[in-house]
PDB file of N, CA and C in Angstrom:
ATOM      1  N   MET A   1      95.669 127.622  55.618  1.00  0.00           N
ATOM      2  CA  MET A   1      95.460 126.511  54.756  1.00  0.00           C
ATOM      3  C   MET A   1      94.332 126.741  54.123  1.00  0.00           C
ATOM      4  N   ASN A   2      94.224 126.690  52.761  1.00  0.00           N
ATOM      5  CA  ASN A   2      93.155 127.011  51.796  1.00  0.00           C
ATOM      6  C   ASN A   2      92.083 125.789  51.779  1.00  0.00           C
ATOM      7  N   GLU A   3      91.100 125.994  51.131  1.00  0.00           N
ATOM      8  CA  GLU A   3      89.900 125.077  51.233  1.00  0.00           C
ATOM      9  C   GLU A   3      90.380 123.761  50.779  1.00  0.00           C
ATOM     10  N   GLU A   4      91.068 123.606  49.634  1.00  0.00           N
ATOM     11  CA  GLU A   4      91.374 122.558  49.063  1.00  0.00           C
ATOM     12  C   GLU A   4      92.302 121.620  50.207  1.00  0.00           C
ATOM     13  N   GLU A   5      93.255 122.291  50.759  1.00  0.00           N
ATOM     14  CA  GLU A   5      94.080 121.535  51.684  1.00  0.00           C
ATOM     15  C   GLU A   5      93.288 121.092  52.967  1.00  0.00           C
ATOM     16  N   LYS A   6      92.176 121.936  53.261  1.00  0.00           N
ATOM     17  CA  LYS A   6      91.357 121.469  54.442  1.00  0.00           C
ATOM     18  C   LYS A   6      90.563 120.046  54.087  1.00  0.00           C
ATOM     19  N   VAL A   7      90.051 120.167  52.901  1.00  0.00           N
ATOM     20  CA  VAL A   7      89.338 118.820  52.518  1.00  0.00           C
ATOM     21  C   VAL A   7      90.224 117.743  52.374  1.00  0.00           C
ATOM     22  N   LEU A   8      91.418 117.930  51.777  1.00  0.00           N
ATOM     23  CA  LEU A   8      92.451 116.778  51.785  1.00  0.00           C
ATOM     24  C   LEU A   8      92.937 116.285  52.934  1.00  0.00           C
ATOM     25  N   TYR A   9      93.040 117.313  53.998  1.00  0.00           N
ATOM     26  CA  TYR A   9      93.501 116.875  55.318  1.00  0.00           C
ATOM     27  C   TYR A   9      92.332 116.147  55.935  1.00  0.00           C
ATOM     28  N   GLU A  10      91.125 116.544  55.756  1.00  0.00           N
ATOM     29  CA  GLU A  10      89.967 115.887  56.352  1.00  0.00           C
ATOM     30  C   GLU A  10      89.841 114.420  55.829  1.00  0.00           C
ATOM     31  N   LEU A  11      90.038 114.397  54.485  1.00  0.00           N
ATOM     32  CA  LEU A  11      90.094 113.126  53.655  1.00  0.00           C
ATOM     33  C   LEU A  11      91.162 112.194  54.295  1.00  0.00           C
ATOM     34  N   SER A  12      92.273 112.607  54.431  1.00  0.00           N
ATOM     35  CA  SER A  12      93.489 111.812  54.973  1.00  0.00           C
ATOM     36  C   SER A  12      93.162 111.380  56.447  1.00  0.00           C
ATOM     37  N   THR A  13      92.479 112.191  57.117  1.00  0.00           N
ATOM     38  CA  THR A  13      92.204 111.883  58.437  1.00  0.00           C
ATOM     39  C   THR A  13      90.979 110.706  58.510  1.00  0.00           C
ATOM     40  N   MET A  14      90.133 110.809  57.719  1.00  0.00           N
ATOM     41  CA  MET A  14      89.004 109.750  57.346  1.00  0.00           C
ATOM     42  C   MET A  14      89.651 108.523  57.014  1.00  0.00           C
ATOM     43  N   LEU A  15      90.698 108.470  56.106  1.00  0.00           N
ATOM     44  CA  LEU A  15      91.372 107.331  55.870  1.00  0.00           C
ATOM     45  C   LEU A  15      91.966 106.590  57.104  1.00  0.00           C
ATOM     46  N   MET A  16      92.667 107.380  57.948  1.00  0.00           N
ATOM     47  CA  MET A  16      93.114 106.833  59.106  1.00  0.00           C
ATOM     48  C   MET A  16      92.002 106.415  60.261  1.00  0.00           C
ATOM     49  N   THR A  17      90.831 107.096  60.132  1.00  0.00           N
ATOM     50  CA  THR A  17      89.805 106.697  60.970  1.00  0.00           C
ATOM     51  C   THR A  17      89.257 105.261  60.549  1.00  0.00           C
ATOM     52  N   ASN A  18      89.190 105.220  59.196  1.00  0.00           N
ATOM     53  CA  ASN A  18      88.482 103.908  58.729  1.00  0.00           C
ATOM     54  C   ASN A  18      89.599 102.819  58.923  1.00  0.00           C
ATOM     55  N   GLU A  19      90.812 103.084  58.774  1.00  0.00           N
ATOM     56  CA  GLU A  19      91.855 102.049  59.128  1.00  0.00           C
ATOM     57  C   GLU A  19      91.730 101.659  60.616  1.00  0.00           C
ATOM     58  N   LYS A  20      91.411 102.542  61.395  1.00  0.00           N
ATOM     59  CA  LYS A  20      91.267 102.188  62.848  1.00  0.00           C
ATOM     60  C   LYS A  20      90.089 101.233  63.108  1.00  0.00           C
ATOM     61  N   ARG A  21      89.099 101.698  62.285  1.00  0.00           N
ATOM     62  CA  ARG A  21      87.658 100.819  62.495  1.00  0.00           C
ATOM     63  C   ARG A  21      87.912  99.398  61.844  1.00  0.00           C
ATOM     64  N   GLU A  22      88.730  99.260  60.856  1.00  0.00           N
ATOM     65  CA  GLU A  22      89.003  97.866  60.415  1.00  0.00           C
ATOM     66  C   GLU A  22      89.731  97.238  61.416  1.00  0.00           C
ATOM     67  N   ALA A  23      90.798  97.738  62.031  1.00  0.00           N
ATOM     68  CA  ALA A  23      91.544  97.146  63.063  1.00  0.00           C
ATOM     69  C   ALA A  23      90.677  96.787  64.295  1.00  0.00           C
ATOM     70  N   GLU A  24      89.783  97.656  64.796  1.00  0.00           N
ATOM     71  CA  GLU A  24      88.895  97.225  65.704  1.00  0.00           C
ATOM     72  C   GLU A  24      87.926  96.041  65.312  1.00  0.00           C
ATOM     73  N   ALA A  25      87.493  95.914  64.053  1.00  0.00           N
ATOM     74  CA  ALA A  25      86.741  94.791  63.541  1.00  0.00           C
ATOM     75  C   ALA A  25      87.598  93.504  63.720  1.00  0.00           C
ATOM     76  N   VAL A  26      88.817  93.591  63.348  1.00  0.00           N
ATOM     77  CA  VAL A  26      89.827  92.319  63.674  1.00  0.00           C
ATOM     78  C   VAL A  26      90.046  92.013  65.152  1.00  0.00           C
ATOM     79  N   GLU A  27      89.876  93.061  65.768  1.00  0.00           N
ATOM     80  CA  GLU A  27      89.971  92.784  67.322  1.00  0.00           C
ATOM     81  C   GLU A  27      88.814  91.934  67.770  1.00  0.00           C
ATOM     82  N   GLY A  28      87.472  92.436  67.159  1.00  0.00           N
ATOM     83  CA  GLY A  28      86.342  91.717  67.566  1.00  0.00           C
ATOM     84  C   GLY A  28      86.218  90.245  67.015  1.00  0.00           C
ATOM     85  N   TYR A  29      86.837  89.980  65.897  1.00  0.00           N
ATOM     86  CA  TYR A  29      86.732  88.632  65.361  1.00  0.00           C
ATOM     87  C   TYR A  29      87.803  87.865  66.085  1.00  0.00           C
ATOM     88  N   ASN A  30      88.923  88.388  66.709  1.00  0.00           N
ATOM     89  CA  ASN A  30      89.762  87.501  67.427  1.00  0.00           C
ATOM     90  C   ASN A  30      88.989  87.168  68.705  1.00  0.00           C
ATOM     91  N   GLU A  31      88.220  87.993  69.180  1.00  0.00           N
ATOM     92  CA  GLU A  31      87.482  87.705  70.459  1.00  0.00           C
ATOM     93  C   GLU A  31      86.436  86.587  70.184  1.00  0.00           C
ATOM     94  N   GLN A  32      85.942  86.694  68.818  1.00  0.00           N
ATOM     95  CA  GLN A  32      85.070  85.628  68.449  1.00  0.00           C
ATOM     96  C   GLN A  32      85.779  84.304  68.397  1.00  0.00           C
ATOM     97  N   LEU A  33      86.955  84.282  67.720  1.00  0.00           N
ATOM     98  CA  LEU A  33      87.733  83.001  67.723  1.00  0.00           C
ATOM     99  C   LEU A  33      87.974  82.366  69.149  1.00  0.00           C
ATOM    100  N   LYS A  34      88.165  83.296  70.112  1.00  0.00           N
ATOM    101  CA  LYS A  34      88.505  82.806  71.405  1.00  0.00           C
ATOM    102  C   LYS A  34      87.126  82.084  71.979  1.00  0.00           C
ATOM    103  N   LEU A  35      86.016  82.616  71.683  1.00  0.00           N
ATOM    104  CA  LEU A  35      84.730  81.975  72.159  1.00  0.00           C
ATOM    105  C   LEU A  35      84.456  80.816  71.389  1.00  0.00           C
ATOM    106  N   ILE A  36      84.899  80.677  70.195  1.00  0.00           N
ATOM    107  CA  ILE A  36      84.719  79.533  69.378  1.00  0.00           C
ATOM    108  C   ILE A  36      85.464  78.426  69.939  1.00  0.00           C
ATOM    109  N   ALA A  37      86.776  78.668  70.354  1.00  0.00           N
ATOM    110  CA  ALA A  37      87.660  77.830  71.000  1.00  0.00           C
ATOM    111  C   ALA A  37      87.020  77.310  72.329  1.00  0.00           C
ATOM    112  N   LYS A  38      86.593  78.198  73.014  1.00  0.00           N
ATOM    113  CA  LYS A  38      85.875  77.900  74.283  1.00  0.00           C
ATOM    114  C   LYS A  38      84.665  77.062  74.103  1.00  0.00           C
ATOM    115  N   ALA A  39      83.852  77.291  73.137  1.00  0.00           N
ATOM    116  CA  ALA A  39      82.643  76.397  72.803  1.00  0.00           C
ATOM    117  C   ALA A  39      83.056  74.963  72.487  1.00  0.00           C
ATOM    118  N   ARG A  40      84.142  74.808  71.854  1.00  0.00           N
ATOM    119  CA  ARG A  40      84.802  73.487  71.420  1.00  0.00           C
ATOM    120  C   ARG A  40      84.876  72.667  72.689  1.00  0.00           C
ATOM    121  N   GLU A  41      85.171  73.236  73.883  1.00  0.00           N
ATOM    122  CA  GLU A  41      85.536  72.496  74.985  1.00  0.00           C
ATOM    123  C   GLU A  41      84.407  71.635  75.491  1.00  0.00           C
ATOM    124  N   PHE A  42      83.229  71.894  75.116  1.00  0.00           N
ATOM    125  CA  PHE A  42      82.061  71.115  75.423  1.00  0.00           C
ATOM    126  C   PHE A  42      81.994  69.874  74.770  1.00  0.00           C
ATOM    127  N   GLY A  43      82.796  69.763  73.648  1.00  0.00           N
ATOM    128  CA  GLY A  43      82.881  68.420  73.043  1.00  0.00           C
ATOM    129  C   GLY A  43      81.622  67.819  72.262  1.00  0.00           C
ATOM    130  N   ASN A  44      80.783  68.901  71.995  1.00  0.00           N
ATOM    131  CA  ASN A  44      79.482  68.517  71.275  1.00  0.00           C
ATOM    132  C   ASN A  44      79.902  68.398  69.727  1.00  0.00           C
ATOM    133  N   GLU A  45      79.698  67.102  69.398  1.00  0.00           N
ATOM    134  CA  GLU A  45      79.985  66.800  67.972  1.00  0.00           C
ATOM    135  C   GLU A  45      79.178  67.521  66.872  1.00  0.00           C
ATOM    136  N   GLU A  46      77.984  67.723  67.217  1.00  0.00           N
ATOM    137  CA  GLU A  46      77.078  68.506  66.196  1.00  0.00           C
ATOM    138  C   GLU A  46      77.412  69.952  66.051  1.00  0.00           C
ATOM    139  N   LEU A  47      77.774  70.415  67.289  1.00  0.00           N
ATOM    140  CA  LEU A  47      78.130  71.852  67.471  1.00  0.00           C
ATOM    141  C   LEU A  47      79.476  72.080  66.675  1.00  0.00           C
ATOM    142  N   SER A  48      80.329  71.056  66.862  1.00  0.00           N
ATOM    143  CA  SER A  48      81.716  70.963  66.303  1.00  0.00           C
ATOM    144  C   SER A  48      81.654  71.298  64.736  1.00  0.00           C
ATOM    145  N   VAL A  49      80.803  70.800  64.077  1.00  0.00           N
ATOM    146  CA  VAL A  49      80.660  71.043  62.493  1.00  0.00           C
ATOM    147  C   VAL A  49      80.458  72.421  62.341  1.00  0.00           C
ATOM    148  N   PHE A  50      79.430  72.968  63.094  1.00  0.00           N
ATOM    149  CA  PHE A  50      79.078  74.333  62.887  1.00  0.00           C
ATOM    150  C   PHE A  50      80.409  75.120  63.392  1.00  0.00           C
ATOM    151  N   LEU A  51      80.988  74.935  64.433  1.00  0.00           N
ATOM    152  CA  LEU A  51      82.038  75.772  64.920  1.00  0.00           C
ATOM    153  C   LEU A  51      83.290  75.582  63.836  1.00  0.00           C
ATOM    154  N   ASP A  52      83.464  74.514  63.256  1.00  0.00           N
ATOM    155  CA  ASP A  52      84.550  74.505  62.060  1.00  0.00           C
ATOM    156  C   ASP A  52      84.119  75.545  61.091  1.00  0.00           C
ATOM    157  N   ARG A  53      83.015  75.510  60.690  1.00  0.00           N
ATOM    158  CA  ARG A  53      82.595  76.493  59.442  1.00  0.00           C
ATOM    159  C   ARG A  53      82.590  78.039  60.029  1.00  0.00           C
ATOM    160  N   LEU A  54      82.207  78.295  61.367  1.00  0.00           N
ATOM    161  CA  LEU A  54      82.306  79.508  61.827  1.00  0.00           C
ATOM    162  C   LEU A  54      83.670  80.047  62.047  1.00  0.00           C
ATOM    163  N   GLU A  55      84.499  79.129  62.361  1.00  0.00           N
ATOM    164  CA  GLU A  55      85.943  79.478  62.599  1.00  0.00           C
ATOM    165  C   GLU A  55      86.609  79.891  61.176  1.00  0.00           C
ATOM    166  N   GLU A  56      86.385  79.015  60.255  1.00  0.00           N
ATOM    167  CA  GLU A  56      86.804  79.262  58.916  1.00  0.00           C
ATOM    168  C   GLU A  56      86.482  80.570  58.311  1.00  0.00           C
ATOM    169  N   GLU A  57      85.079  80.742  58.412  1.00  0.00           N
ATOM    170  CA  GLU A  57      84.552  82.175  57.943  1.00  0.00           C
ATOM    171  C   GLU A  57      85.034  83.440  58.787  1.00  0.00           C
ATOM    172  N   THR A  58      85.132  83.240  59.985  1.00  0.00           N
ATOM    173  CA  THR A  58      85.838  84.286  60.799  1.00  0.00           C
ATOM    174  C   THR A  58      87.083  84.590  60.334  1.00  0.00           C
ATOM    175  N   LYS A  59      87.943  83.565  60.210  1.00  0.00           N
ATOM    176  CA  LYS A  59      89.489  83.798  59.579  1.00  0.00           C
ATOM    177  C   LYS A  59      89.445  84.513  58.289  1.00  0.00           C
ATOM    178  N   GLU A  60      88.467  84.222  57.491  1.00  0.00           N
ATOM    179  CA  GLU A  60      88.348  84.770  56.140  1.00  0.00           C
ATOM    180  C   GLU A  60      87.940  86.360  56.345  1.00  0.00           C
ATOM    181  N   LYS A  61      87.053  86.627  57.319  1.00  0.00           N
ATOM    182  CA  LYS A  61      86.745  87.941  57.543  1.00  0.00           C
ATOM    183  C   LYS A  61      87.801  88.878  57.994  1.00  0.00           C
ATOM    184  N   ILE A  62      88.657  88.260  58.996  1.00  0.00           N
ATOM    185  CA  ILE A  62      89.961  88.849  59.378  1.00  0.00           C
ATOM    186  C   ILE A  62      90.832  89.047  58.212  1.00  0.00           C
ATOM    187  N   SER A  63      90.978  88.100  57.322  1.00  0.00           N
ATOM    188  CA  SER A  63      91.850  88.413  56.261  1.00  0.00           C
ATOM    189  C   SER A  63      91.340  89.530  55.305  1.00  0.00           C
ATOM    190  N   ASP A  64      90.053  89.613  55.063  1.00  0.00           N
ATOM    191  CA  ASP A  64      89.461  90.665  54.390  1.00  0.00           C
ATOM    192  C   ASP A  64      89.752  92.070  55.170  1.00  0.00           C
ATOM    193  N   GLU A  65      89.666  92.105  56.384  1.00  0.00           N
ATOM    194  CA  GLU A  65      89.760  93.314  57.121  1.00  0.00           C
ATOM    195  C   GLU A  65      91.265  93.645  57.094  1.00  0.00           C
ATOM    196  N   LEU A  66      92.240  92.638  57.037  1.00  0.00           N
ATOM    197  CA  LEU A  66      93.797  93.108  56.919  1.00  0.00           C
ATOM    198  C   LEU A  66      93.827  93.688  55.584  1.00  0.00           C
ATOM    199  N   ASN A  67      93.301  93.131  54.618  1.00  0.00           N
ATOM    200  CA  ASN A  67      93.418  93.831  53.205  1.00  0.00           C
ATOM    201  C   ASN A  67      92.974  95.236  53.138  1.00  0.00           C
ATOM    202  N   HIS A  68      91.908  95.471  53.868  1.00  0.00           N
ATOM    203  CA  HIS A  68      91.288  96.788  53.985  1.00  0.00           C
ATOM    204  C   HIS A  68      92.314  97.868  54.635  1.00  0.00           C
ATOM    205  N   VAL A  69      92.831  97.232  55.749  1.00  0.00           N
ATOM    206  CA  VAL A  69      93.892  98.087  56.597  1.00  0.00           C
ATOM    207  C   VAL A  69      94.942  98.437  55.709  1.00  0.00           C
ATOM    208  N   GLU A  70      95.517  97.507  55.108  1.00  0.00           N
ATOM    209  CA  GLU A  70      96.665  97.733  54.146  1.00  0.00           C
ATOM    210  C   GLU A  70      96.321  98.717  53.005  1.00  0.00           C
ATOM    211  N   SER A  71      95.209  98.524  52.479  1.00  0.00           N
ATOM    212  CA  SER A  71      94.716  99.610  51.363  1.00  0.00           C
ATOM    213  C   SER A  71      94.709 100.873  51.829  1.00  0.00           C
ATOM    214  N   LEU A  72      94.026 101.125  53.125  1.00  0.00           N
ATOM    215  CA  LEU A  72      93.783 102.381  53.643  1.00  0.00           C
ATOM    216  C   LEU A  72      95.242 103.025  53.893  1.00  0.00           C
ATOM    217  N   TYR A  73      96.025 102.201  54.582  1.00  0.00           N
ATOM    218  CA  TYR A  73      97.358 102.866  55.051  1.00  0.00           C
ATOM    219  C   TYR A  73      98.034 103.276  53.692  1.00  0.00           C
ATOM    220  N   ALA A  74      98.165 102.512  52.682  1.00  0.00           N
ATOM    221  CA  ALA A  74      98.699 102.794  51.388  1.00  0.00           C
ATOM    222  C   ALA A  74      98.168 104.117  50.708  1.00  0.00           C
ATOM    223  N   GLU A  75      96.998 104.207  50.711  1.00  0.00           N
ATOM    224  CA  GLU A  75      96.192 105.338  50.211  1.00  0.00           C
ATOM    225  C   GLU A  75      96.527 106.548  51.053  1.00  0.00           C
ATOM    226  N   TYR A  76      96.703 106.427  52.381  1.00  0.00           N
ATOM    227  CA  TYR A  76      97.112 107.705  53.280  1.00  0.00           C
ATOM    228  C   TYR A  76      98.483 108.063  52.874  1.00  0.00           C
ATOM    229  N   VAL A  77      99.405 107.067  52.752  1.00  0.00           N
ATOM    230  CA  VAL A  77     100.746 107.355  52.413  1.00  0.00           C
ATOM    231  C   VAL A  77     100.924 108.171  51.054  1.00  0.00           C
ATOM    232  N   GLU A  78     100.308 107.551  50.054  1.00  0.00           N
ATOM    233  CA  GLU A  78     100.102 108.272  48.690  1.00  0.00           C
ATOM    234  C   GLU A  78      99.549 109.690  48.785  1.00  0.00           C
ATOM    235  N   MET A  79      98.449 109.693  49.508  1.00  0.00           N
ATOM    236  CA  MET A  79      97.794 110.944  49.447  1.00  0.00           C
ATOM    237  C   MET A  79      98.618 112.080  50.167  1.00  0.00           C
ATOM    238  N   THR A  80      99.196 111.716  51.233  1.00  0.00           N
ATOM    239  CA  THR A  80      99.959 112.743  52.082  1.00  0.00           C
ATOM    240  C   THR A  80     101.468 112.860  51.774  1.00  0.00           C
ATOM    241  N   GLY A  81     102.048 111.766  51.136  1.00  0.00           N
ATOM    242  CA  GLY A  81     103.333 111.858  50.758  1.00  0.00           C
ATOM    243  C   GLY A  81     104.178 111.549  52.125  1.00  0.00           C
ATOM    244  N   ILE A  82     103.610 111.352  53.147  1.00  0.00           N
ATOM    245  CA  ILE A  82     104.410 111.074  54.524  1.00  0.00           C
ATOM    246  C   ILE A  82     104.624 109.490  54.417  1.00  0.00           C
ATOM    247  N   GLN A  83     105.954 109.393  54.452  1.00  0.00           N
ATOM    248  CA  GLN A  83     106.534 107.938  54.621  1.00  0.00           C
ATOM    249  C   GLN A  83     106.656 107.545  56.036  1.00  0.00           C
ATOM    250  N   PRO A  84     106.504 106.249  56.320  1.00  0.00           N
ATOM    251  CA  PRO A  84     106.839 105.932  57.703  1.00  0.00           C
ATOM    252  C   PRO A  84     108.285 105.949  57.949  1.00  0.00           C
ATOM    253  N   ALA A  85     108.578 106.289  59.154  1.00  0.00           N
ATOM    254  CA  ALA A  85     110.093 106.314  59.539  1.00  0.00           C
ATOM    255  C   ALA A  85     110.776 105.021  59.435  1.00  0.00           C
ATOM    256  N   GLU A  86     111.920 105.074  58.994  1.00  0.00           N
ATOM    257  CA  GLU A  86     112.791 103.797  58.934  1.00  0.00           C
ATOM    258  C   GLU A  86     113.627 103.565  60.158  1.00  0.00           C
ATOM    259  N   ASP A  87     113.495 102.588  60.829  1.00  0.00           N
ATOM    260  CA  ASP A  87     114.267 102.356  62.089  1.00  0.00           C
ATOM    261  C   ASP A  87     115.673 101.892  61.842  1.00  0.00           C
TER     262      ASP A  87
END
């Protein structure tokens, strides 16, 4: 493997590492949504207004992370030329 191939391999590996990190962020946001739902059980009306906003913003963050995952995945496929297996 020459130097260029090594750098490209390292770059493709970093793309997948970053994709994993984005997926981990989604996992954390899902945990946050669970806690928001649990906090709603207290029935506090004032808190409910905040929780509505927090839930909406958390879902928006998940959406952003999913876009990043898709982008990183597509970049990896383009860079390596490796296509996912068709089942």
